[in-house]
Amino acid sequence: MKIKKFIASVLLATMLLFTFAPTASAAKEGRGGLMGFIAGCCFGVRAGAAYNDGKDLHWREWCGLIPYVGIVFSIWNGINGSEGVTTADLATRYGATYY
């Protein structure tokens, strides 16, 4: 039963990918496309837009996809947000490539 749900999910994801990814690739030259779709779909609108602006995804954003471990990074991001950390602070700490 789980296999059928998994196959149905993969087919649905493939259909959505082939439906929306070509539209995204026509938006801008250089960025967008499949990676812009993945960034927006998995990491949210801010990360997708930042990727299309020429920024790379930060390693902490990638770690959020790991099951169970991603919760730790989400809490870490929340703590940074509650401390008032800004994107300028993160750009100083990690470089302008990400922020």
Protein backbone atom coordinates (compact mmCIF):
# COMPACT_ATOMS: atom_id res chain seq x y z
CA MET A 1 0.00 0.00 0.00
CA LYS A 2 2.85 2.41 0.83
CA ILE A 3 4.53 1.65 -2.49
CA LYS A 4 1.41 2.72 -4.40
CA LYS A 5 1.30 6.03 -2.51
CA PHE A 6 5.00 6.57 -3.14
CA ILE A 7 4.66 5.90 -6.87
CA ALA A 8 1.62 8.18 -7.06
CA SER A 9 3.56 10.92 -5.27
CA VAL A 10 6.53 10.58 -7.61
CA LEU A 11 4.26 10.72 -10.66
CA LEU A 12 2.48 13.79 -9.31
CA ALA A 13 5.77 15.53 -8.54
CA THR A 14 7.06 14.71 -12.03
CA MET A 15 3.89 16.07 -13.61
CA LEU A 16 4.13 19.28 -11.59
CA LEU A 17 7.81 19.63 -12.41
CA PHE A 18 7.25 19.35 -16.14
CA THR A 19 4.25 21.67 -15.94
CA PHE A 20 5.77 24.55 -13.98
CA ALA A 21 9.56 24.32 -14.48
CA PRO A 22 9.52 25.38 -18.18
CA THR A 23 7.51 28.46 -17.23
CA ALA A 24 10.03 29.34 -14.54
CA SER A 25 12.97 28.93 -16.91
CA ALA A 26 11.47 31.48 -19.28
CA ALA A 27 11.38 34.12 -16.54
CA LYS A 28 15.07 35.18 -16.62
CA GLU A 29 18.28 34.23 -18.30
CA GLY A 30 20.91 32.47 -16.23
CA ARG A 31 18.84 31.66 -13.15
CA GLY A 32 15.40 30.20 -12.65
CA GLY A 33 14.58 26.91 -14.33
CA LEU A 34 14.74 23.65 -12.41
CA MET A 35 17.00 24.91 -9.61
CA GLY A 36 14.89 28.04 -9.17
CA PHE A 37 11.83 25.79 -8.98
CA ILE A 38 13.48 23.56 -6.35
CA ALA A 39 14.66 26.57 -4.33
CA GLY A 40 11.20 28.11 -4.31
CA CYS A 41 9.37 24.84 -3.71
CA CYS A 42 11.58 23.45 -0.95
CA PHE A 43 12.93 26.57 0.73
CA GLY A 44 10.21 29.17 0.18
CA VAL A 45 9.64 32.29 -1.85
CA ARG A 46 12.50 34.27 -0.25
CA ALA A 47 15.10 31.63 -1.05
CA GLY A 48 13.73 31.14 -4.57
CA ALA A 49 13.82 34.87 -5.29
CA ALA A 50 17.30 35.24 -3.76
CA TYR A 51 18.54 32.34 -5.89
CA ASN A 52 17.15 34.01 -9.02
CA ASP A 53 18.89 37.25 -7.97
CA GLY A 54 22.23 35.43 -8.08
CA LYS A 55 22.58 34.33 -4.45
CA ASP A 56 23.38 30.74 -3.47
CA LEU A 57 21.46 28.67 -0.95
CA HIS A 58 23.09 28.64 2.47
CA TRP A 59 24.18 25.29 3.94
CA ARG A 60 21.76 25.80 6.83
CA GLU A 61 18.88 25.92 4.34
CA TRP A 62 20.00 22.61 2.79
CA CYS A 63 20.26 21.02 6.25
CA GLY A 64 16.60 21.84 6.83
CA LEU A 65 15.69 19.10 4.34
CA ILE A 66 17.25 16.31 6.42
CA PRO A 67 14.53 14.44 8.34
CA TYR A 68 14.62 15.02 12.12
CA VAL A 69 17.94 16.92 11.90
CA GLY A 70 16.16 19.70 10.01
CA ILE A 71 14.17 20.49 13.16
CA VAL A 72 17.41 21.42 14.95
CA PHE A 73 18.35 23.84 12.17
CA SER A 74 14.83 25.30 12.14
CA ILE A 75 15.10 25.98 15.87
CA TRP A 76 18.58 27.46 15.34
CA ASN A 77 17.14 29.78 12.66
CA GLY A 78 14.33 30.74 15.01
CA ILE A 79 16.78 31.57 17.79
CA ASN A 80 18.75 33.77 15.40
CA GLY A 81 15.52 35.50 14.40
CA SER A 82 14.57 36.12 18.02
CA GLU A 83 18.02 37.61 18.68
CA GLY A 84 17.42 40.20 15.96
CA VAL A 85 19.98 38.87 13.46
CA THR A 86 19.56 40.68 10.13
CA THR A 87 20.59 39.74 6.62
CA ALA A 88 23.35 42.35 6.85
CA ASP A 89 24.74 40.48 9.90
CA LEU A 90 24.58 37.19 8.01
CA ALA A 91 26.25 38.74 4.95
CA THR A 92 29.09 39.94 7.18
CA ARG A 93 29.41 36.51 8.82
CA TYR A 94 29.00 34.23 5.79
CA GLY A 95 29.68 36.49 2.82
CA ALA A 96 27.62 38.31 0.23
CA THR A 97 27.33 35.15 -1.88
CA TYR A 98 24.46 33.96 0.28
CA TYR A 99 22.82 37.17 1.54
